[in-house]
Structures are given as C-alpha cells and as structure tokens.
mmCIF file of all heavy atoms, coordinates in Angstrom:
data_MODEL
# 
_entry.id   MODEL 
# 
loop_
_atom_site.group_PDB 
_atom_site.id 
_atom_site.type_symbol 
_atom_site.label_atom_id 
_atom_site.label_alt_id 
_atom_site.label_comp_id 
_atom_site.label_asym_id 
_atom_site.label_entity_id 
_atom_site.label_seq_id 
_atom_site.pdbx_PDB_ins_code 
_atom_site.Cartn_x 
_atom_site.Cartn_y 
_atom_site.Cartn_z 
_atom_site.occupancy 
_atom_site.B_iso_or_equiv 
_atom_site.pdbx_formal_charge 
_atom_site.auth_seq_id 
_atom_site.auth_comp_id 
_atom_site.auth_asym_id 
_atom_site.auth_atom_id 
_atom_site.pdbx_PDB_model_num 
ATOM 1   N N   . PHE A 1 1  ? -11.238 -4.050  8.634   1.00 0.00 ? 1  PHE A N   1 
ATOM 2   C CA  . PHE A 1 1  ? -11.649 -4.905  7.520   1.00 0.00 ? 1  PHE A CA  1 
ATOM 3   C C   . PHE A 1 1  ? -11.625 -6.374  7.931   1.00 0.00 ? 1  PHE A C   1 
ATOM 4   O O   . PHE A 1 1  ? -12.543 -7.141  7.610   1.00 0.00 ? 1  PHE A O   1 
ATOM 5   C CB  . PHE A 1 1  ? -10.746 -4.689  6.309   1.00 0.00 ? 1  PHE A CB  1 
ATOM 6   C CG  . PHE A 1 1  ? -11.142 -3.514  5.458   1.00 0.00 ? 1  PHE A CG  1 
ATOM 7   C CD1 . PHE A 1 1  ? -10.371 -2.363  5.441   1.00 0.00 ? 1  PHE A CD1 1 
ATOM 8   C CD2 . PHE A 1 1  ? -12.285 -3.556  4.671   1.00 0.00 ? 1  PHE A CD2 1 
ATOM 9   C CE1 . PHE A 1 1  ? -10.735 -1.276  4.650   1.00 0.00 ? 1  PHE A CE1 1 
ATOM 10  C CE2 . PHE A 1 1  ? -12.657 -2.472  3.877   1.00 0.00 ? 1  PHE A CE2 1 
ATOM 11  C CZ  . PHE A 1 1  ? -11.880 -1.326  3.878   1.00 0.00 ? 1  PHE A CZ  1 
ATOM 12  N N   . CYS A 1 2  ? -10.557 -6.772  8.635   1.00 0.00 ? 2  CYS A N   1 
ATOM 13  C CA  . CYS A 1 2  ? -10.452 -8.160  9.090   1.00 0.00 ? 2  CYS A CA  1 
ATOM 14  C C   . CYS A 1 2  ? -11.607 -8.521  10.022  1.00 0.00 ? 2  CYS A C   1 
ATOM 15  O O   . CYS A 1 2  ? -12.201 -9.603  9.910   1.00 0.00 ? 2  CYS A O   1 
ATOM 16  C CB  . CYS A 1 2  ? -9.116  -8.384  9.800   1.00 0.00 ? 2  CYS A CB  1 
ATOM 17  S SG  . CYS A 1 2  ? -7.661  -8.369  8.735   1.00 0.00 ? 2  CYS A SG  1 
ATOM 18  N N   . GLU A 1 3  ? -11.915 -7.618  10.946  1.00 0.00 ? 3  GLU A N   1 
ATOM 19  C CA  . GLU A 1 3  ? -13.014 -7.856  11.888  1.00 0.00 ? 3  GLU A CA  1 
ATOM 20  C C   . GLU A 1 3  ? -14.349 -7.981  11.169  1.00 0.00 ? 3  GLU A C   1 
ATOM 21  O O   . GLU A 1 3  ? -15.256 -8.674  11.643  1.00 0.00 ? 3  GLU A O   1 
ATOM 22  C CB  . GLU A 1 3  ? -13.067 -6.726  12.918  1.00 0.00 ? 3  GLU A CB  1 
ATOM 23  C CG  . GLU A 1 3  ? -11.889 -6.729  13.885  1.00 0.00 ? 3  GLU A CG  1 
ATOM 24  C CD  . GLU A 1 3  ? -11.790 -5.441  14.699  1.00 0.00 ? 3  GLU A CD  1 
ATOM 25  O OE1 . GLU A 1 3  ? -12.630 -4.531  14.467  1.00 0.00 ? 3  GLU A OE1 1 
ATOM 26  O OE2 . GLU A 1 3  ? -10.898 -5.344  15.553  1.00 0.00 ? 3  GLU A OE2 1 
ATOM 27  N N   . ALA A 1 4  ? -14.465 -7.307  10.019  1.00 0.00 ? 4  ALA A N   1 
ATOM 28  C CA  . ALA A 1 4  ? -15.710 -7.344  9.244   1.00 0.00 ? 4  ALA A CA  1 
ATOM 29  C C   . ALA A 1 4  ? -15.743 -8.535  8.282   1.00 0.00 ? 4  ALA A C   1 
ATOM 30  O O   . ALA A 1 4  ? -16.694 -8.682  7.511   1.00 0.00 ? 4  ALA A O   1 
ATOM 31  C CB  . ALA A 1 4  ? -15.884 -6.041  8.466   1.00 0.00 ? 4  ALA A CB  1 
ATOM 32  N N   . GLY A 1 5  ? -14.710 -9.374  8.328   1.00 0.00 ? 5  GLY A N   1 
ATOM 33  C CA  . GLY A 1 5  ? -14.680 -10.558 7.474   1.00 0.00 ? 5  GLY A CA  1 
ATOM 34  C C   . GLY A 1 5  ? -14.207 -10.313 6.061   1.00 0.00 ? 5  GLY A C   1 
ATOM 35  O O   . GLY A 1 5  ? -14.417 -11.147 5.181   1.00 0.00 ? 5  GLY A O   1 
ATOM 36  N N   . VAL A 1 6  ? -13.548 -9.165  5.825   1.00 0.00 ? 6  VAL A N   1 
ATOM 37  C CA  . VAL A 1 6  ? -13.037 -8.840  4.492   1.00 0.00 ? 6  VAL A CA  1 
ATOM 38  C C   . VAL A 1 6  ? -11.560 -9.230  4.424   1.00 0.00 ? 6  VAL A C   1 
ATOM 39  O O   . VAL A 1 6  ? -10.753 -8.714  5.202   1.00 0.00 ? 6  VAL A O   1 
ATOM 40  C CB  . VAL A 1 6  ? -13.191 -7.338  4.186   1.00 0.00 ? 6  VAL A CB  1 
ATOM 41  C CG1 . VAL A 1 6  ? -12.656 -7.019  2.795   1.00 0.00 ? 6  VAL A CG1 1 
ATOM 42  C CG2 . VAL A 1 6  ? -14.645 -6.907  4.309   1.00 0.00 ? 6  VAL A CG2 1 
ATOM 43  N N   . PRO A 1 7  ? -11.164 -10.125 3.521   1.00 0.00 ? 7  PRO A N   1 
ATOM 44  C CA  . PRO A 1 7  ? -9.751  -10.528 3.408   1.00 0.00 ? 7  PRO A CA  1 
ATOM 45  C C   . PRO A 1 7  ? -8.858  -9.330  3.071   1.00 0.00 ? 7  PRO A C   1 
ATOM 46  O O   . PRO A 1 7  ? -9.217  -8.485  2.255   1.00 0.00 ? 7  PRO A O   1 
ATOM 47  C CB  . PRO A 1 7  ? -9.764  -11.542 2.260   1.00 0.00 ? 7  PRO A CB  1 
ATOM 48  C CG  . PRO A 1 7  ? -11.170 -12.036 2.189   1.00 0.00 ? 7  PRO A CG  1 
ATOM 49  C CD  . PRO A 1 7  ? -12.025 -10.856 2.576   1.00 0.00 ? 7  PRO A CD  1 
ATOM 50  N N   . VAL A 1 8  ? -7.694  -9.284  3.708   1.00 0.00 ? 8  VAL A N   1 
ATOM 51  C CA  . VAL A 1 8  ? -6.742  -8.187  3.510   1.00 0.00 ? 8  VAL A CA  1 
ATOM 52  C C   . VAL A 1 8  ? -5.429  -8.750  2.980   1.00 0.00 ? 8  VAL A C   1 
ATOM 53  O O   . VAL A 1 8  ? -4.878  -9.690  3.550   1.00 0.00 ? 8  VAL A O   1 
ATOM 54  C CB  . VAL A 1 8  ? -6.493  -7.427  4.836   1.00 0.00 ? 8  VAL A CB  1 
ATOM 55  C CG1 . VAL A 1 8  ? -5.370  -6.417  4.674   1.00 0.00 ? 8  VAL A CG1 1 
ATOM 56  C CG2 . VAL A 1 8  ? -7.768  -6.737  5.305   1.00 0.00 ? 8  VAL A CG2 1 
ATOM 57  N N   . CYS A 1 9  ? -4.931  -8.173  1.883   1.00 0.00 ? 9  CYS A N   1 
ATOM 58  C CA  . CYS A 1 9  ? -3.669  -8.623  1.284   1.00 0.00 ? 9  CYS A CA  1 
ATOM 59  C C   . CYS A 1 9  ? -2.799  -7.412  0.947   1.00 0.00 ? 9  CYS A C   1 
ATOM 60  O O   . CYS A 1 9  ? -3.312  -6.369  0.547   1.00 0.00 ? 9  CYS A O   1 
ATOM 61  C CB  . CYS A 1 9  ? -3.921  -9.420  0.011   1.00 0.00 ? 9  CYS A CB  1 
ATOM 62  S SG  . CYS A 1 9  ? -4.892  -10.922 0.262   1.00 0.00 ? 9  CYS A SG  1 
ATOM 63  N N   . THR A 1 10 ? -1.485  -7.574  1.106   1.00 0.00 ? 10 THR A N   1 
ATOM 64  C CA  . THR A 1 10 ? -0.528  -6.514  0.750   1.00 0.00 ? 10 THR A CA  1 
ATOM 65  C C   . THR A 1 10 ? 0.493   -7.068  -0.236  1.00 0.00 ? 10 THR A C   1 
ATOM 66  O O   . THR A 1 10 ? 1.005   -8.178  -0.053  1.00 0.00 ? 10 THR A O   1 
ATOM 67  C CB  . THR A 1 10 ? 0.194   -5.978  2.001   1.00 0.00 ? 10 THR A CB  1 
ATOM 68  O OG1 . THR A 1 10 ? -0.765  -5.400  2.895   1.00 0.00 ? 10 THR A OG1 1 
ATOM 69  C CG2 . THR A 1 10 ? 1.209   -4.908  1.624   1.00 0.00 ? 10 THR A CG2 1 
ATOM 70  N N   . TYR A 1 11 ? 0.798   -6.273  -1.277  1.00 0.00 ? 11 TYR A N   1 
ATOM 71  C CA  . TYR A 1 11 ? 1.709   -6.704  -2.323  1.00 0.00 ? 11 TYR A CA  1 
ATOM 72  C C   . TYR A 1 11 ? 2.750   -5.622  -2.609  1.00 0.00 ? 11 TYR A C   1 
ATOM 73  O O   . TYR A 1 11 ? 2.521   -4.434  -2.332  1.00 0.00 ? 11 TYR A O   1 
ATOM 74  C CB  . TYR A 1 11 ? 0.946   -6.991  -3.626  1.00 0.00 ? 11 TYR A CB  1 
ATOM 75  C CG  . TYR A 1 11 ? -0.127  -8.031  -3.502  1.00 0.00 ? 11 TYR A CG  1 
ATOM 76  C CD1 . TYR A 1 11 ? -1.454  -7.656  -3.282  1.00 0.00 ? 11 TYR A CD1 1 
ATOM 77  C CD2 . TYR A 1 11 ? 0.173   -9.386  -3.615  1.00 0.00 ? 11 TYR A CD2 1 
ATOM 78  C CE1 . TYR A 1 11 ? -2.457  -8.624  -3.170  1.00 0.00 ? 11 TYR A CE1 1 
ATOM 79  C CE2 . TYR A 1 11 ? -0.819  -10.350 -3.505  1.00 0.00 ? 11 TYR A CE2 1 
ATOM 80  C CZ  . TYR A 1 11 ? -2.133  -9.959  -3.289  1.00 0.00 ? 11 TYR A CZ  1 
ATOM 81  O OH  . TYR A 1 11 ? -3.108  -10.908 -3.180  1.00 0.00 ? 11 TYR A OH  1 
ATOM 82  N N   . LEU A 1 12 ? 3.873   -6.031  -3.198  1.00 0.00 ? 12 LEU A N   1 
ATOM 83  C CA  . LEU A 1 12 ? 4.824   -5.080  -3.759  1.00 0.00 ? 12 LEU A CA  1 
ATOM 84  C C   . LEU A 1 12 ? 4.291   -4.611  -5.108  1.00 0.00 ? 12 LEU A C   1 
ATOM 85  O O   . LEU A 1 12 ? 3.676   -5.381  -5.841  1.00 0.00 ? 12 LEU A O   1 
ATOM 86  C CB  . LEU A 1 12 ? 6.197   -5.723  -3.947  1.00 0.00 ? 12 LEU A CB  1 
ATOM 87  C CG  . LEU A 1 12 ? 6.976   -6.094  -2.682  1.00 0.00 ? 12 LEU A CG  1 
ATOM 88  C CD1 . LEU A 1 12 ? 8.286   -6.765  -3.064  1.00 0.00 ? 12 LEU A CD1 1 
ATOM 89  C CD2 . LEU A 1 12 ? 7.243   -4.868  -1.832  1.00 0.00 ? 12 LEU A CD2 1 
ATOM 90  N N   . SER A 1 13 ? 4.551   -3.354  -5.448  1.00 0.00 ? 13 SER A N   1 
ATOM 91  C CA  . SER A 1 13 ? 3.987   -2.798  -6.682  1.00 0.00 ? 13 SER A CA  1 
ATOM 92  C C   . SER A 1 13 ? 4.764   -3.187  -7.931  1.00 0.00 ? 13 SER A C   1 
ATOM 93  O O   . SER A 1 13 ? 4.245   -3.102  -9.039  1.00 0.00 ? 13 SER A O   1 
ATOM 94  C CB  . SER A 1 13 ? 3.954   -1.268  -6.594  1.00 0.00 ? 13 SER A CB  1 
ATOM 95  O OG  . SER A 1 13 ? 5.267   -0.734  -6.662  1.00 0.00 ? 13 SER A OG  1 
ATOM 96  N N   . ASN A 1 14 ? 6.054   -3.614  -7.734  1.00 0.00 ? 14 ASN A N   1 
ATOM 97  C CA  . ASN A 1 14 ? 6.918   -3.914  -8.888  1.00 0.00 ? 14 ASN A CA  1 
ATOM 98  C C   . ASN A 1 14 ? 6.919   -2.762  -9.894  1.00 0.00 ? 14 ASN A C   1 
ATOM 99  O O   . ASN A 1 14 ? 6.834   -2.968  -11.103 1.00 0.00 ? 14 ASN A O   1 
ATOM 100 C CB  . ASN A 1 14 ? 6.469   -5.218  -9.561  1.00 0.00 ? 14 ASN A CB  1 
ATOM 101 C CG  . ASN A 1 14 ? 6.718   -6.428  -8.674  1.00 0.00 ? 14 ASN A CG  1 
ATOM 102 O OD1 . ASN A 1 14 ? 7.720   -6.496  -7.992  1.00 0.00 ? 14 ASN A OD1 1 
ATOM 103 N ND2 . ASN A 1 14 ? 5.781   -7.354  -8.658  1.00 0.00 ? 14 ASN A ND2 1 
ATOM 104 N N   . ARG A 1 15 ? 6.963   -1.534  -9.368  1.00 0.00 ? 15 ARG A N   1 
ATOM 105 C CA  . ARG A 1 15 ? 7.068   -0.296  -10.153 1.00 0.00 ? 15 ARG A CA  1 
ATOM 106 C C   . ARG A 1 15 ? 5.765   0.092   -10.865 1.00 0.00 ? 15 ARG A C   1 
ATOM 107 O O   . ARG A 1 15 ? 5.740   1.065   -11.606 1.00 0.00 ? 15 ARG A O   1 
ATOM 108 C CB  . ARG A 1 15 ? 8.205   -0.365  -11.176 1.00 0.00 ? 15 ARG A CB  1 
ATOM 109 C CG  . ARG A 1 15 ? 9.568   -0.655  -10.561 1.00 0.00 ? 15 ARG A CG  1 
ATOM 110 C CD  . ARG A 1 15 ? 10.685  -0.298  -11.524 1.00 0.00 ? 15 ARG A CD  1 
ATOM 111 N NE  . ARG A 1 15 ? 11.987  -0.690  -11.002 1.00 0.00 ? 15 ARG A NE  1 
ATOM 112 C CZ  . ARG A 1 15 ? 13.142  -0.179  -11.400 1.00 0.00 ? 15 ARG A CZ  1 
ATOM 113 N NH1 . ARG A 1 15 ? 13.157  0.757   -12.335 1.00 0.00 ? 15 ARG A NH1 1 
ATOM 114 N NH2 . ARG A 1 15 ? 14.283  -0.588  -10.890 1.00 0.00 ? 15 ARG A NH2 1 
ATOM 115 N N   . LEU A 1 16 ? 4.699   -0.657  -10.665 1.00 0.00 ? 16 LEU A N   1 
ATOM 116 C CA  . LEU A 1 16 ? 3.417   -0.272  -11.267 1.00 0.00 ? 16 LEU A CA  1 
ATOM 117 C C   . LEU A 1 16 ? 2.828   0.952   -10.574 1.00 0.00 ? 16 LEU A C   1 
ATOM 118 O O   . LEU A 1 16 ? 2.062   1.714   -11.160 1.00 0.00 ? 16 LEU A O   1 
ATOM 119 C CB  . LEU A 1 16 ? 2.426   -1.436  -11.187 1.00 0.00 ? 16 LEU A CB  1 
ATOM 120 C CG  . LEU A 1 16 ? 2.776   -2.673  -12.029 1.00 0.00 ? 16 LEU A CG  1 
ATOM 121 C CD1 . LEU A 1 16 ? 1.788   -3.790  -11.763 1.00 0.00 ? 16 LEU A CD1 1 
ATOM 122 C CD2 . LEU A 1 16 ? 2.790   -2.314  -13.512 1.00 0.00 ? 16 LEU A CD2 1 
ATOM 123 N N   . VAL A 1 17 ? 3.194   1.134   -9.300  1.00 0.00 ? 17 VAL A N   1 
ATOM 124 C CA  . VAL A 1 17 ? 2.778   2.302   -8.521  1.00 0.00 ? 17 VAL A CA  1 
ATOM 125 C C   . VAL A 1 17 ? 4.024   2.895   -7.884  1.00 0.00 ? 17 VAL A C   1 
ATOM 126 O O   . VAL A 1 17 ? 4.859   2.166   -7.359  1.00 0.00 ? 17 VAL A O   1 
ATOM 127 C CB  . VAL A 1 17 ? 1.770   1.912   -7.417  1.00 0.00 ? 17 VAL A CB  1 
ATOM 128 C CG1 . VAL A 1 17 ? 1.320   3.148   -6.632  1.00 0.00 ? 17 VAL A CG1 1 
ATOM 129 C CG2 . VAL A 1 17 ? 0.568   1.180   -7.999  1.00 0.00 ? 17 VAL A CG2 1 
ATOM 130 N N   . SER A 1 18 ? 4.185   4.202   -7.956  1.00 0.00 ? 18 SER A N   1 
ATOM 131 C CA  . SER A 1 18 ? 5.355   4.837   -7.349  1.00 0.00 ? 18 SER A CA  1 
ATOM 132 C C   . SER A 1 18 ? 4.932   6.056   -6.544  1.00 0.00 ? 18 SER A C   1 
ATOM 133 O O   . SER A 1 18 ? 3.843   6.600   -6.741  1.00 0.00 ? 18 SER A O   1 
ATOM 134 C CB  . SER A 1 18 ? 6.371   5.243   -8.425  1.00 0.00 ? 18 SER A CB  1 
ATOM 135 O OG  . SER A 1 18 ? 5.819   6.213   -9.289  1.00 0.00 ? 18 SER A OG  1 
ATOM 136 N N   . PHE A 1 19 ? 5.802   6.456   -5.628  1.00 0.00 ? 19 PHE A N   1 
ATOM 137 C CA  . PHE A 1 19 ? 5.529   7.663   -4.840  1.00 0.00 ? 19 PHE A CA  1 
ATOM 138 C C   . PHE A 1 19 ? 6.842   8.289   -4.384  1.00 0.00 ? 19 PHE A C   1 
ATOM 139 O O   . PHE A 1 19 ? 7.891   7.660   -4.442  1.00 0.00 ? 19 PHE A O   1 
ATOM 140 C CB  . PHE A 1 19 ? 4.624   7.376   -3.660  1.00 0.00 ? 19 PHE A CB  1 
ATOM 141 C CG  . PHE A 1 19 ? 5.213   6.521   -2.556  1.00 0.00 ? 19 PHE A CG  1 
ATOM 142 C CD1 . PHE A 1 19 ? 4.537   6.380   -1.356  1.00 0.00 ? 19 PHE A CD1 1 
ATOM 143 C CD2 . PHE A 1 19 ? 6.418   5.850   -2.695  1.00 0.00 ? 19 PHE A CD2 1 
ATOM 144 C CE1 . PHE A 1 19 ? 5.054   5.612   -0.322  1.00 0.00 ? 19 PHE A CE1 1 
ATOM 145 C CE2 . PHE A 1 19 ? 6.940   5.074   -1.666  1.00 0.00 ? 19 PHE A CE2 1 
ATOM 146 C CZ  . PHE A 1 19 ? 6.248   4.955   -0.487  1.00 0.00 ? 19 PHE A CZ  1 
ATOM 147 N N   . ARG A 1 20 ? 6.751   9.534   -3.972  1.00 0.00 ? 20 ARG A N   1 
ATOM 148 C CA  . ARG A 1 20 ? 7.864   10.218  -3.330  1.00 0.00 ? 20 ARG A CA  1 
ATOM 149 C C   . ARG A 1 20 ? 7.407   10.552  -1.919  1.00 0.00 ? 20 ARG A C   1 
ATOM 150 O O   . ARG A 1 20 ? 6.448   11.301  -1.726  1.00 0.00 ? 20 ARG A O   1 
ATOM 151 C CB  . ARG A 1 20 ? 8.244   11.488  -4.087  1.00 0.00 ? 20 ARG A CB  1 
ATOM 152 C CG  . ARG A 1 20 ? 9.504   12.153  -3.541  1.00 0.00 ? 20 ARG A CG  1 
ATOM 153 C CD  . ARG A 1 20 ? 9.861   13.412  -4.309  1.00 0.00 ? 20 ARG A CD  1 
ATOM 154 N NE  . ARG A 1 20 ? 11.032  14.054  -3.734  1.00 0.00 ? 20 ARG A NE  1 
ATOM 155 C CZ  . ARG A 1 20 ? 11.435  15.286  -4.031  1.00 0.00 ? 20 ARG A CZ  1 
ATOM 156 N NH1 . ARG A 1 20 ? 10.756  15.992  -4.948  1.00 0.00 ? 20 ARG A NH1 1 
ATOM 157 N NH2 . ARG A 1 20 ? 12.508  15.806  -3.456  1.00 0.00 ? 20 ARG A NH2 1 
ATOM 158 N N   . MET A 1 21 ? 8.071   10.008  -0.932  1.00 0.00 ? 21 MET A N   1 
ATOM 159 C CA  . MET A 1 21 ? 7.548   10.054  0.427   1.00 0.00 ? 21 MET A CA  1 
ATOM 160 C C   . MET A 1 21 ? 7.736   11.395  1.130   1.00 0.00 ? 21 MET A C   1 
ATOM 161 O O   . MET A 1 21 ? 6.801   11.951  1.680   1.00 0.00 ? 21 MET A O   1 
ATOM 162 C CB  . MET A 1 21 ? 8.180   8.947   1.276   1.00 0.00 ? 21 MET A CB  1 
ATOM 163 C CG  . MET A 1 21 ? 7.767   7.549   0.875   1.00 0.00 ? 21 MET A CG  1 
ATOM 164 S SD  . MET A 1 21 ? 8.535   6.267   1.895   1.00 0.00 ? 21 MET A SD  1 
ATOM 165 C CE  . MET A 1 21 ? 7.676   6.484   3.456   1.00 0.00 ? 21 MET A CE  1 
ATOM 166 N N   . TYR A 1 22 ? 8.957   11.905  1.157   1.00 0.00 ? 22 TYR A N   1 
ATOM 167 C CA  . TYR A 1 22 ? 9.244   13.082  1.984   1.00 0.00 ? 22 TYR A CA  1 
ATOM 168 C C   . TYR A 1 22 ? 10.037  14.135  1.199   1.00 0.00 ? 22 TYR A C   1 
ATOM 169 O O   . TYR A 1 22 ? 11.246  14.287  1.385   1.00 0.00 ? 22 TYR A O   1 
ATOM 170 C CB  . TYR A 1 22 ? 10.018  12.663  3.230   1.00 0.00 ? 22 TYR A CB  1 
ATOM 171 C CG  . TYR A 1 22 ? 9.234   11.698  4.098   1.00 0.00 ? 22 TYR A CG  1 
ATOM 172 C CD1 . TYR A 1 22 ? 9.581   10.356  4.167   1.00 0.00 ? 22 TYR A CD1 1 
ATOM 173 C CD2 . TYR A 1 22 ? 8.128   12.129  4.823   1.00 0.00 ? 22 TYR A CD2 1 
ATOM 174 C CE1 . TYR A 1 22 ? 8.863   9.467   4.947   1.00 0.00 ? 22 TYR A CE1 1 
ATOM 175 C CE2 . TYR A 1 22 ? 7.402   11.246  5.604   1.00 0.00 ? 22 TYR A CE2 1 
ATOM 176 C CZ  . TYR A 1 22 ? 7.768   9.927   5.661   1.00 0.00 ? 22 TYR A CZ  1 
ATOM 177 O OH  . TYR A 1 22 ? 7.038   9.050   6.427   1.00 0.00 ? 22 TYR A OH  1 
ATOM 178 N N   . PRO A 1 23 ? 9.362   14.903  0.351   1.00 0.00 ? 23 PRO A N   1 
ATOM 179 C CA  . PRO A 1 23 ? 10.048  15.931  -0.431  1.00 0.00 ? 23 PRO A CA  1 
ATOM 180 C C   . PRO A 1 23 ? 10.300  17.223  0.346   1.00 0.00 ? 23 PRO A C   1 
ATOM 181 O O   . PRO A 1 23 ? 10.948  18.131  -0.164  1.00 0.00 ? 23 PRO A O   1 
ATOM 182 C CB  . PRO A 1 23 ? 9.083   16.185  -1.591  1.00 0.00 ? 23 PRO A CB  1 
ATOM 183 C CG  . PRO A 1 23 ? 7.734   15.913  -1.002  1.00 0.00 ? 23 PRO A CG  1 
ATOM 184 C CD  . PRO A 1 23 ? 7.935   14.783  -0.035  1.00 0.00 ? 23 PRO A CD  1 
ATOM 185 N N   . ASN A 1 24 ? 9.785   17.304  1.586   1.00 0.00 ? 24 ASN A N   1 
ATOM 186 C CA  . ASN A 1 24 ? 9.837   18.568  2.334   1.00 0.00 ? 24 ASN A CA  1 
ATOM 187 C C   . ASN A 1 24 ? 10.953  18.649  3.368   1.00 0.00 ? 24 ASN A C   1 
ATOM 188 O O   . ASN A 1 24 ? 10.902  19.463  4.276   1.00 0.00 ? 24 ASN A O   1 
ATOM 189 C CB  . ASN A 1 24 ? 8.493   18.816  3.025   1.00 0.00 ? 24 ASN A CB  1 
ATOM 190 C CG  . ASN A 1 24 ? 7.366   18.977  2.024   1.00 0.00 ? 24 ASN A CG  1 
ATOM 191 O OD1 . ASN A 1 24 ? 7.543   19.604  0.980   1.00 0.00 ? 24 ASN A OD1 1 
ATOM 192 N ND2 . ASN A 1 24 ? 6.212   18.400  2.322   1.00 0.00 ? 24 ASN A ND2 1 
ATOM 193 N N   . GLY A 1 25 ? 11.956  17.799  3.243   1.00 0.00 ? 25 GLY A N   1 
ATOM 194 C CA  . GLY A 1 25 ? 13.105  17.923  4.139   1.00 0.00 ? 25 GLY A CA  1 
ATOM 195 C C   . GLY A 1 25 ? 13.284  16.731  5.061   1.00 0.00 ? 25 GLY A C   1 
ATOM 196 O O   . GLY A 1 25 ? 12.375  15.929  5.281   1.00 0.00 ? 25 GLY A O   1 
# 
C-alpha cells in the first residue's frame, strides 16, 4: 500500500473491536 502511495495508519481499537487469538491451546 505504501509503495502504491496509499497512506497506512494503525490504531488501538479501545474495545470497539475485539478478538480471541488462540483458543486452540
């Protein structure tokens, strides 16, 4: 994306998005 000239940003979700990463052990 950066190479294509598209700005890239990363944010904390502040609980608006949640996930469970490794439920399989």
